[in-house]
Amino acid sequence: MNTDLSRFNTGNYAAGPKWKIGLWYLVNYYVFNSALPWPYGFKRRLLRTFGAKVGKGLVIKTKVRIKYPWRLSIGDHCWIGESVWIDNLDDVYIGDHVCISQGAMLLTGNHDYKRSDFPYRLGGIRIEDGVWIGAQSVVCPGIVCGSHAVLTVKSVAAKDMEAWSIYAGNPAISVRKREILA
């Protein structure tokens, strides 16, 4: 059977009330996805207003896209670089001292290509303390990035990443252990 996109529907998936989604899209566009350097404290307050759990010291650069802040939890002293895309149709948890570098994508949704109606396949993402997601890399749905793991530039995490390991490639594989010098 061929793919029939006319049969696609979201099933029982509901992002939230339409008014909230619409208001967030405006805020996201004019503040977060803007090239204007809005103050970090202002951005943190806006995220909390829309239901995100945000710790202290969040640095969130320009041109960042966040699908639904009410499905986002960010720990203390995290950095989110320019042009990061958090496409969180499902929950995204980001621990403390996490760096998500410029152009990285956190994708919690995909489609089931085996079915003709192409339904959603969703999975939350968990990024534990001390993780570094490299520039222009991708974290796929349902992935756990273990404590202090590193996903190198332009790599794709399609499987869970073990703690204190460095991953590279597409799909990313462990290439060595991470060591942090004092």
N, C-alpha and C. Protein backbone atom coordinates (compact mmCIF):
# COMPACT_ATOMS: atom_id res chain seq x y z
N MET A 1 0.84 -1.18 0.00
CA MET A 1 0.00 0.00 0.00
C MET A 1 0.89 1.24 0.00
N ASN A 2 0.48 2.25 -0.68
CA ASN A 2 1.22 3.51 -0.75
C ASN A 2 0.89 4.42 0.42
N THR A 3 1.78 5.36 0.67
CA THR A 3 1.51 6.39 1.67
C THR A 3 0.34 7.25 1.19
N ASP A 4 -0.60 7.49 2.11
CA ASP A 4 -1.78 8.30 1.78
C ASP A 4 -1.91 9.40 2.83
N LEU A 5 -1.27 10.54 2.59
CA LEU A 5 -1.25 11.62 3.57
C LEU A 5 -2.62 12.25 3.79
N SER A 6 -3.57 12.02 2.89
CA SER A 6 -4.93 12.54 3.10
C SER A 6 -5.59 11.84 4.29
N ARG A 7 -5.07 10.70 4.72
CA ARG A 7 -5.63 9.96 5.85
C ARG A 7 -4.99 10.34 7.19
N PHE A 8 -3.94 11.18 7.16
CA PHE A 8 -3.25 11.56 8.40
C PHE A 8 -4.18 12.33 9.33
N ASN A 9 -4.10 12.01 10.62
CA ASN A 9 -4.72 12.83 11.66
C ASN A 9 -3.86 12.68 12.91
N THR A 10 -4.05 13.55 13.84
CA THR A 10 -3.21 13.54 15.04
C THR A 10 -3.67 12.53 16.08
N GLY A 11 -4.73 11.80 15.80
CA GLY A 11 -5.22 10.81 16.76
C GLY A 11 -5.64 11.48 18.05
N ASN A 12 -5.22 10.93 19.17
CA ASN A 12 -5.59 11.51 20.47
C ASN A 12 -4.57 12.53 20.96
N TYR A 13 -3.62 12.91 20.11
CA TYR A 13 -2.62 13.90 20.50
C TYR A 13 -3.25 15.28 20.59
N ALA A 14 -2.99 15.97 21.69
CA ALA A 14 -3.48 17.34 21.87
C ALA A 14 -2.35 18.17 22.47
N ALA A 15 -1.96 19.22 21.77
CA ALA A 15 -0.85 20.07 22.21
C ALA A 15 -1.24 20.97 23.38
N GLY A 16 -2.50 21.37 23.42
CA GLY A 16 -2.96 22.30 24.45
C GLY A 16 -4.08 23.15 23.89
N PRO A 17 -4.60 24.08 24.69
CA PRO A 17 -5.68 24.95 24.21
C PRO A 17 -5.21 25.82 23.05
N LYS A 18 -6.07 26.00 22.07
CA LYS A 18 -5.71 26.76 20.86
C LYS A 18 -5.29 28.20 21.19
N TRP A 19 -5.94 28.84 22.17
CA TRP A 19 -5.58 30.21 22.52
C TRP A 19 -4.15 30.27 23.04
N LYS A 20 -3.76 29.26 23.85
CA LYS A 20 -2.43 29.22 24.43
C LYS A 20 -1.38 28.98 23.35
N ILE A 21 -1.68 28.07 22.45
CA ILE A 21 -0.76 27.78 21.34
C ILE A 21 -0.59 29.02 20.47
N GLY A 22 -1.68 29.68 20.13
CA GLY A 22 -1.62 30.88 19.31
C GLY A 22 -0.82 32.00 19.95
N LEU A 23 -1.07 32.23 21.24
CA LEU A 23 -0.33 33.27 21.96
C LEU A 23 1.15 32.92 22.04
N TRP A 24 1.45 31.64 22.32
CA TRP A 24 2.85 31.23 22.38
C TRP A 24 3.54 31.42 21.03
N TYR A 25 2.88 31.07 19.93
CA TYR A 25 3.49 31.23 18.60
C TYR A 25 3.92 32.69 18.37
N LEU A 26 3.10 33.63 18.82
CA LEU A 26 3.47 35.05 18.67
C LEU A 26 4.70 35.40 19.53
N VAL A 27 4.67 34.98 20.79
CA VAL A 27 5.80 35.25 21.69
C VAL A 27 7.06 34.56 21.17
N ASN A 28 6.93 33.32 20.75
CA ASN A 28 8.07 32.57 20.24
C ASN A 28 8.67 33.29 19.03
N TYR A 29 7.84 33.75 18.14
CA TYR A 29 8.30 34.40 16.91
C TYR A 29 8.98 35.74 17.20
N TYR A 30 8.35 36.57 18.02
CA TYR A 30 8.85 37.92 18.24
C TYR A 30 9.93 38.04 19.31
N VAL A 31 10.05 37.07 20.19
CA VAL A 31 11.05 37.15 21.25
C VAL A 31 12.13 36.07 21.08
N PHE A 32 11.74 34.80 21.08
CA PHE A 32 12.73 33.72 21.08
C PHE A 32 13.35 33.49 19.70
N ASN A 33 12.55 33.48 18.66
CA ASN A 33 13.06 33.23 17.30
C ASN A 33 13.48 34.54 16.63
N SER A 34 13.65 35.56 17.39
CA SER A 34 14.04 36.87 16.89
C SER A 34 15.57 37.01 16.91
N ALA A 35 16.07 37.87 16.04
CA ALA A 35 17.51 38.19 16.05
C ALA A 35 17.83 39.25 17.10
N LEU A 36 16.80 39.85 17.70
CA LEU A 36 17.03 40.85 18.75
C LEU A 36 17.52 40.16 20.02
N PRO A 37 18.53 40.71 20.67
CA PRO A 37 19.09 40.09 21.88
C PRO A 37 18.28 40.42 23.14
N TRP A 38 17.08 39.87 23.25
CA TRP A 38 16.25 40.09 24.44
C TRP A 38 17.01 39.60 25.67
N PRO A 39 16.84 40.26 26.81
CA PRO A 39 17.54 39.84 28.04
C PRO A 39 17.17 38.42 28.46
N TYR A 40 18.17 37.69 28.94
CA TYR A 40 17.94 36.29 29.34
C TYR A 40 16.88 36.18 30.43
N GLY A 41 16.92 37.10 31.40
CA GLY A 41 15.93 37.07 32.48
C GLY A 41 14.51 37.22 31.97
N PHE A 42 14.32 38.08 30.98
CA PHE A 42 13.00 38.26 30.36
C PHE A 42 12.55 36.97 29.69
N LYS A 43 13.45 36.32 28.98
CA LYS A 43 13.11 35.06 28.31
C LYS A 43 12.78 33.97 29.33
N ARG A 44 13.54 33.92 30.42
CA ARG A 44 13.25 32.93 31.47
C ARG A 44 11.85 33.13 32.04
N ARG A 45 11.49 34.40 32.30
CA ARG A 45 10.16 34.71 32.85
C ARG A 45 9.06 34.31 31.87
N LEU A 46 9.26 34.60 30.60
CA LEU A 46 8.25 34.22 29.60
C LEU A 46 8.07 32.70 29.53
N LEU A 47 9.18 31.97 29.54
CA LEU A 47 9.07 30.51 29.52
C LEU A 47 8.28 30.01 30.72
N ARG A 48 8.57 30.54 31.90
CA ARG A 48 7.84 30.13 33.11
C ARG A 48 6.36 30.51 33.02
N THR A 49 6.07 31.68 32.47
CA THR A 49 4.68 32.12 32.31
C THR A 49 3.89 31.13 31.47
N PHE A 50 4.56 30.53 30.47
CA PHE A 50 3.89 29.56 29.59
C PHE A 50 4.03 28.13 30.08
N GLY A 51 4.50 27.93 31.31
CA GLY A 51 4.47 26.61 31.92
C GLY A 51 5.76 25.83 31.92
N ALA A 52 6.85 26.38 31.39
CA ALA A 52 8.12 25.68 31.44
C ALA A 52 8.68 25.70 32.86
N LYS A 53 9.39 24.66 33.21
CA LYS A 53 10.13 24.65 34.47
C LYS A 53 11.55 25.06 34.12
N VAL A 54 11.99 26.20 34.66
CA VAL A 54 13.29 26.76 34.30
C VAL A 54 14.08 27.07 35.56
N GLY A 55 15.29 26.52 35.63
CA GLY A 55 16.16 26.77 36.77
C GLY A 55 16.85 28.12 36.65
N LYS A 56 17.77 28.37 37.55
CA LYS A 56 18.48 29.66 37.55
C LYS A 56 19.63 29.64 36.54
N GLY A 57 19.94 30.84 36.03
CA GLY A 57 21.12 31.01 35.20
C GLY A 57 21.01 30.54 33.76
N LEU A 58 19.80 30.36 33.24
CA LEU A 58 19.64 29.93 31.85
C LEU A 58 20.12 31.03 30.91
N VAL A 59 21.00 30.67 29.98
CA VAL A 59 21.43 31.55 28.90
C VAL A 59 20.76 31.02 27.64
N ILE A 60 19.91 31.83 27.02
CA ILE A 60 19.19 31.41 25.82
C ILE A 60 19.41 32.47 24.74
N LYS A 61 20.15 32.08 23.73
CA LYS A 61 20.58 33.01 22.68
C LYS A 61 19.44 33.34 21.71
N THR A 62 19.76 34.00 20.62
CA THR A 62 18.77 34.44 19.63
C THR A 62 18.40 33.31 18.67
N LYS A 63 17.28 33.51 17.98
CA LYS A 63 16.80 32.62 16.92
C LYS A 63 16.51 31.19 17.42
N VAL A 64 16.08 31.07 18.68
CA VAL A 64 15.73 29.78 19.25
C VAL A 64 14.25 29.53 19.03
N ARG A 65 13.91 28.31 18.62
CA ARG A 65 12.51 27.93 18.43
C ARG A 65 12.14 26.85 19.44
N ILE A 66 11.07 27.08 20.16
CA ILE A 66 10.56 26.12 21.14
C ILE A 66 9.10 25.87 20.79
N LYS A 67 8.74 24.61 20.52
CA LYS A 67 7.37 24.29 20.10
C LYS A 67 6.37 24.58 21.22
N TYR A 68 6.53 23.92 22.37
CA TYR A 68 5.57 24.07 23.46
C TYR A 68 6.31 24.16 24.80
N PRO A 69 6.43 25.35 25.40
CA PRO A 69 7.18 25.47 26.65
C PRO A 69 6.56 24.68 27.80
N TRP A 70 5.29 24.42 27.76
CA TRP A 70 4.65 23.66 28.84
C TRP A 70 5.09 22.20 28.82
N ARG A 71 5.85 21.77 27.84
CA ARG A 71 6.43 20.42 27.77
C ARG A 71 7.95 20.47 27.93
N LEU A 72 8.46 21.51 28.63
CA LEU A 72 9.90 21.73 28.72
C LEU A 72 10.32 21.94 30.17
N SER A 73 11.39 21.26 30.56
CA SER A 73 11.98 21.43 31.88
C SER A 73 13.48 21.62 31.69
N ILE A 74 14.01 22.74 32.20
CA ILE A 74 15.42 23.08 32.05
C ILE A 74 16.01 23.33 33.43
N GLY A 75 17.13 22.69 33.73
CA GLY A 75 17.78 22.84 35.03
C GLY A 75 18.57 24.13 35.16
N ASP A 76 19.45 24.15 36.14
CA ASP A 76 20.25 25.33 36.46
C ASP A 76 21.47 25.47 35.53
N HIS A 77 21.80 26.72 35.22
CA HIS A 77 23.03 27.09 34.52
C HIS A 77 23.20 26.35 33.19
N CYS A 78 22.17 26.39 32.37
CA CYS A 78 22.21 25.78 31.04
C CYS A 78 22.41 26.84 29.98
N TRP A 79 22.97 26.44 28.86
CA TRP A 79 23.16 27.32 27.71
C TRP A 79 22.42 26.75 26.53
N ILE A 80 21.62 27.57 25.88
CA ILE A 80 20.94 27.19 24.64
C ILE A 80 21.42 28.15 23.57
N GLY A 81 22.13 27.63 22.57
CA GLY A 81 22.80 28.45 21.57
C GLY A 81 21.88 28.96 20.48
N GLU A 82 22.44 29.81 19.62
CA GLU A 82 21.70 30.41 18.51
C GLU A 82 21.09 29.33 17.61
N SER A 83 19.89 29.59 17.17
CA SER A 83 19.18 28.75 16.18
C SER A 83 18.93 27.32 16.64
N VAL A 84 18.87 27.09 17.95
CA VAL A 84 18.47 25.77 18.45
C VAL A 84 16.98 25.60 18.22
N TRP A 85 16.57 24.39 17.87
CA TRP A 85 15.16 24.07 17.66
C TRP A 85 14.77 22.97 18.61
N ILE A 86 13.89 23.29 19.56
CA ILE A 86 13.34 22.30 20.50
C ILE A 86 11.93 22.01 20.01
N ASP A 87 11.80 20.96 19.23
CA ASP A 87 10.52 20.57 18.62
C ASP A 87 9.86 19.55 19.53
N ASN A 88 9.33 20.05 20.64
CA ASN A 88 8.86 19.17 21.71
C ASN A 88 7.36 18.91 21.67
N LEU A 89 6.97 18.02 20.78
CA LEU A 89 5.61 17.51 20.78
C LEU A 89 5.38 16.63 22.01
N ASP A 90 6.46 16.14 22.59
CA ASP A 90 6.45 15.35 23.82
C ASP A 90 7.39 16.07 24.81
N ASP A 91 7.48 15.55 26.02
CA ASP A 91 8.25 16.22 27.07
C ASP A 91 9.76 16.19 26.78
N VAL A 92 10.42 17.31 27.08
CA VAL A 92 11.88 17.41 27.01
C VAL A 92 12.37 17.84 28.39
N TYR A 93 13.27 17.04 28.94
CA TYR A 93 13.91 17.33 30.23
C TYR A 93 15.37 17.63 29.96
N ILE A 94 15.85 18.77 30.45
CA ILE A 94 17.25 19.17 30.32
C ILE A 94 17.77 19.39 31.73
N GLY A 95 18.80 18.63 32.13
CA GLY A 95 19.35 18.72 33.48
C GLY A 95 20.14 19.99 33.71
N ASP A 96 20.97 19.98 34.74
CA ASP A 96 21.80 21.12 35.11
C ASP A 96 23.09 21.15 34.29
N HIS A 97 23.59 22.35 34.03
CA HIS A 97 24.89 22.56 33.37
C HIS A 97 24.97 21.87 32.01
N VAL A 98 23.90 21.96 31.25
CA VAL A 98 23.82 21.38 29.91
C VAL A 98 24.07 22.49 28.89
N CYS A 99 24.85 22.15 27.85
CA CYS A 99 25.10 23.07 26.75
C CYS A 99 24.50 22.48 25.47
N ILE A 100 23.58 23.21 24.87
CA ILE A 100 23.01 22.81 23.58
C ILE A 100 23.50 23.85 22.58
N SER A 101 24.44 23.45 21.73
CA SER A 101 25.13 24.40 20.85
C SER A 101 24.29 24.80 19.66
N GLN A 102 24.76 25.85 18.98
CA GLN A 102 24.02 26.49 17.90
C GLN A 102 23.58 25.50 16.81
N GLY A 103 22.33 25.68 16.40
CA GLY A 103 21.77 24.89 15.32
C GLY A 103 21.37 23.48 15.67
N ALA A 104 21.52 23.07 16.93
CA ALA A 104 21.13 21.72 17.32
C ALA A 104 19.61 21.58 17.30
N MET A 105 19.14 20.35 17.12
CA MET A 105 17.70 20.07 17.07
C MET A 105 17.36 18.96 18.06
N LEU A 106 16.36 19.21 18.89
CA LEU A 106 15.81 18.18 19.77
C LEU A 106 14.44 17.84 19.21
N LEU A 107 14.30 16.66 18.65
CA LEU A 107 13.08 16.26 17.94
C LEU A 107 12.36 15.16 18.69
N THR A 108 11.18 15.45 19.23
CA THR A 108 10.43 14.44 19.98
C THR A 108 9.38 13.74 19.12
N GLY A 109 9.24 14.15 17.88
CA GLY A 109 8.22 13.55 17.03
C GLY A 109 8.78 13.12 15.69
N ASN A 110 8.15 12.10 15.18
CA ASN A 110 8.46 11.57 13.87
C ASN A 110 7.17 10.97 13.33
N HIS A 111 7.25 10.30 12.23
CA HIS A 111 6.07 9.63 11.67
C HIS A 111 6.36 8.17 11.46
N ASP A 112 5.35 7.34 11.57
CA ASP A 112 5.48 5.90 11.33
C ASP A 112 5.40 5.64 9.83
N TYR A 113 6.55 5.51 9.20
CA TYR A 113 6.62 5.34 7.75
C TYR A 113 6.12 3.98 7.29
N LYS A 114 5.89 3.05 8.22
CA LYS A 114 5.39 1.72 7.86
C LYS A 114 3.88 1.70 7.65
N ARG A 115 3.21 2.75 8.09
CA ARG A 115 1.75 2.82 7.96
C ARG A 115 1.37 3.82 6.88
N SER A 116 0.36 3.50 6.12
CA SER A 116 -0.04 4.35 5.00
C SER A 116 -0.58 5.71 5.45
N ASP A 117 -1.15 5.80 6.67
CA ASP A 117 -1.70 7.07 7.14
C ASP A 117 -0.65 7.94 7.86
N PHE A 118 0.61 7.46 7.96
CA PHE A 118 1.75 8.26 8.42
C PHE A 118 1.53 8.88 9.80
N PRO A 119 1.04 8.12 10.82
CA PRO A 119 0.73 8.72 12.12
C PRO A 119 1.99 9.14 12.88
N TYR A 120 1.78 9.99 13.88
CA TYR A 120 2.88 10.41 14.75
C TYR A 120 3.48 9.22 15.48
N ARG A 121 4.79 9.30 15.71
CA ARG A 121 5.51 8.46 16.66
C ARG A 121 6.24 9.43 17.56
N LEU A 122 5.84 9.51 18.81
CA LEU A 122 6.39 10.50 19.73
C LEU A 122 7.22 9.83 20.82
N GLY A 123 8.20 10.55 21.31
CA GLY A 123 9.01 10.07 22.43
C GLY A 123 9.72 11.22 23.08
N GLY A 124 9.61 11.33 24.38
CA GLY A 124 10.28 12.40 25.11
C GLY A 124 11.79 12.26 25.04
N ILE A 125 12.47 13.34 25.37
CA ILE A 125 13.94 13.36 25.39
C ILE A 125 14.37 13.74 26.80
N ARG A 126 15.39 13.02 27.28
CA ARG A 126 15.97 13.31 28.60
C ARG A 126 17.46 13.57 28.41
N ILE A 127 17.88 14.79 28.76
CA ILE A 127 19.28 15.17 28.67
C ILE A 127 19.76 15.41 30.10
N GLU A 128 20.61 14.53 30.59
CA GLU A 128 21.02 14.58 31.99
C GLU A 128 22.11 15.62 32.23
N ASP A 129 22.47 15.82 33.49
CA ASP A 129 23.41 16.85 33.90
C ASP A 129 24.73 16.77 33.13
N GLY A 130 25.26 17.96 32.77
CA GLY A 130 26.60 18.06 32.20
C GLY A 130 26.74 17.65 30.75
N VAL A 131 25.65 17.38 30.07
CA VAL A 131 25.71 16.93 28.67
C VAL A 131 26.03 18.12 27.76
N TRP A 132 26.74 17.84 26.69
CA TRP A 132 27.01 18.84 25.65
C TRP A 132 26.50 18.29 24.33
N ILE A 133 25.50 18.97 23.77
CA ILE A 133 24.96 18.64 22.45
C ILE A 133 25.63 19.59 21.46
N GLY A 134 26.45 19.05 20.56
CA GLY A 134 27.26 19.85 19.65
C GLY A 134 26.45 20.56 18.58
N ALA A 135 27.09 21.54 17.95
CA ALA A 135 26.46 22.36 16.93
C ALA A 135 25.90 21.52 15.78
N GLN A 136 24.70 21.87 15.36
CA GLN A 136 24.00 21.26 14.23
C GLN A 136 23.81 19.75 14.38
N SER A 137 23.77 19.27 15.61
CA SER A 137 23.50 17.86 15.84
C SER A 137 22.02 17.66 16.11
N VAL A 138 21.58 16.40 16.09
CA VAL A 138 20.17 16.06 16.25
C VAL A 138 20.02 15.00 17.33
N VAL A 139 19.06 15.22 18.23
CA VAL A 139 18.67 14.21 19.21
C VAL A 139 17.27 13.75 18.81
N CYS A 140 17.13 12.46 18.54
CA CYS A 140 15.88 11.88 18.03
C CYS A 140 14.89 11.57 19.16
N PRO A 141 13.64 11.28 18.80
CA PRO A 141 12.61 10.99 19.81
C PRO A 141 12.97 9.81 20.71
N GLY A 142 12.66 9.96 21.99
CA GLY A 142 12.81 8.87 22.95
C GLY A 142 14.21 8.65 23.48
N ILE A 143 15.13 9.55 23.18
CA ILE A 143 16.54 9.35 23.54
C ILE A 143 16.84 9.87 24.95
N VAL A 144 17.72 9.14 25.64
CA VAL A 144 18.28 9.57 26.92
C VAL A 144 19.76 9.83 26.69
N CYS A 145 20.20 11.03 27.00
CA CYS A 145 21.61 11.40 26.92
C CYS A 145 22.15 11.34 28.34
N GLY A 146 22.94 10.30 28.64
CA GLY A 146 23.45 10.08 29.99
C GLY A 146 24.35 11.20 30.48
N SER A 147 24.49 11.29 31.78
CA SER A 147 25.24 12.35 32.44
C SER A 147 26.61 12.58 31.80
N HIS A 148 26.87 13.84 31.43
CA HIS A 148 28.16 14.29 30.91
C HIS A 148 28.55 13.68 29.57
N ALA A 149 27.59 13.12 28.85
CA ALA A 149 27.87 12.62 27.50
C ALA A 149 28.04 13.81 26.56
N VAL A 150 28.71 13.57 25.44
CA VAL A 150 28.92 14.59 24.41
C VAL A 150 28.46 14.04 23.08
N LEU A 151 27.66 14.83 22.36
CA LEU A 151 27.27 14.51 20.98
C LEU A 151 27.99 15.52 20.11
N THR A 152 28.92 15.05 19.28
CA THR A 152 29.78 15.97 18.53
C THR A 152 29.03 16.64 17.38
N VAL A 153 29.67 17.66 16.80
CA VAL A 153 29.11 18.48 15.73
C VAL A 153 28.51 17.62 14.61
N LYS A 154 27.28 17.96 14.22
CA LYS A 154 26.54 17.34 13.10
C LYS A 154 26.29 15.85 13.27
N SER A 155 26.29 15.37 14.51
CA SER A 155 26.01 13.96 14.77
C SER A 155 24.53 13.77 15.06
N VAL A 156 24.06 12.51 14.95
CA VAL A 156 22.65 12.19 15.16
C VAL A 156 22.53 11.11 16.23
N ALA A 157 21.94 11.47 17.37
CA ALA A 157 21.70 10.50 18.45
C ALA A 157 20.40 9.77 18.17
N ALA A 158 20.51 8.57 17.64
CA ALA A 158 19.35 7.75 17.33
C ALA A 158 19.15 6.65 18.37
N LYS A 159 20.12 6.50 19.28
CA LYS A 159 20.05 5.55 20.39
C LYS A 159 20.54 6.26 21.64
N ASP A 160 20.15 5.73 22.79
CA ASP A 160 20.57 6.32 24.06
C ASP A 160 22.09 6.47 24.12
N MET A 161 22.54 7.54 24.78
CA MET A 161 23.96 7.82 24.93
C MET A 161 24.37 7.51 26.37
N GLU A 162 25.40 6.70 26.54
CA GLU A 162 25.88 6.34 27.88
C GLU A 162 26.58 7.53 28.54
N ALA A 163 26.51 7.57 29.86
CA ALA A 163 27.15 8.63 30.63
C ALA A 163 28.66 8.64 30.37
N TRP A 164 29.22 9.84 30.38
CA TRP A 164 30.66 10.07 30.27
C TRP A 164 31.26 9.49 28.98
N SER A 165 30.47 9.46 27.91
CA SER A 165 30.95 8.98 26.62
C SER A 165 30.79 10.06 25.57
N ILE A 166 31.68 10.03 24.58
CA ILE A 166 31.63 10.97 23.46
C ILE A 166 31.13 10.22 22.24
N TYR A 167 30.10 10.80 21.59
CA TYR A 167 29.45 10.17 20.44
C TYR A 167 29.65 11.01 19.19
N ALA A 168 29.88 10.33 18.06
CA ALA A 168 30.08 11.03 16.80
C ALA A 168 29.47 10.22 15.66
N GLY A 169 29.02 10.94 14.62
CA GLY A 169 28.56 10.29 13.40
C GLY A 169 27.06 10.27 13.24
N ASN A 170 26.63 9.64 12.15
CA ASN A 170 25.21 9.48 11.82
C ASN A 170 24.99 8.06 11.28
N PRO A 171 24.42 7.20 12.14
CA PRO A 171 24.02 7.43 13.53
C PRO A 171 25.25 7.52 14.44
N ALA A 172 25.09 8.27 15.52
CA ALA A 172 26.21 8.48 16.45
C ALA A 172 26.57 7.18 17.16
N ILE A 173 27.88 6.95 17.27
CA ILE A 173 28.40 5.82 18.04
C ILE A 173 29.42 6.35 19.04
N SER A 174 29.62 5.60 20.10
CA SER A 174 30.58 6.00 21.11
C SER A 174 32.00 5.86 20.53
N VAL A 175 32.76 6.95 20.65
CA VAL A 175 34.13 6.92 20.11
C VAL A 175 35.19 6.91 21.20
N ARG A 176 34.86 7.40 22.40
CA ARG A 176 35.78 7.34 23.53
C ARG A 176 35.07 7.85 24.78
N LYS A 177 35.75 7.71 25.91
CA LYS A 177 35.23 8.20 27.18
C LYS A 177 35.54 9.69 27.34
N ARG A 178 34.69 10.39 28.04
CA ARG A 178 34.92 11.82 28.31
C ARG A 178 35.65 11.97 29.64
N GLU A 179 36.66 12.81 29.62
CA GLU A 179 37.37 13.16 30.83
C GLU A 179 37.32 14.66 31.00
N ILE A 180 37.11 15.12 32.22
CA ILE A 180 37.11 16.55 32.51
C ILE A 180 38.27 16.83 33.45
N LEU A 181 39.14 17.74 33.02
CA LEU A 181 40.29 18.11 33.84
C LEU A 181 39.90 19.25 34.77
N ALA A 182 40.46 19.25 35.93
CA ALA A 182 40.14 20.29 36.92
C ALA A 182 40.66 21.64 36.53
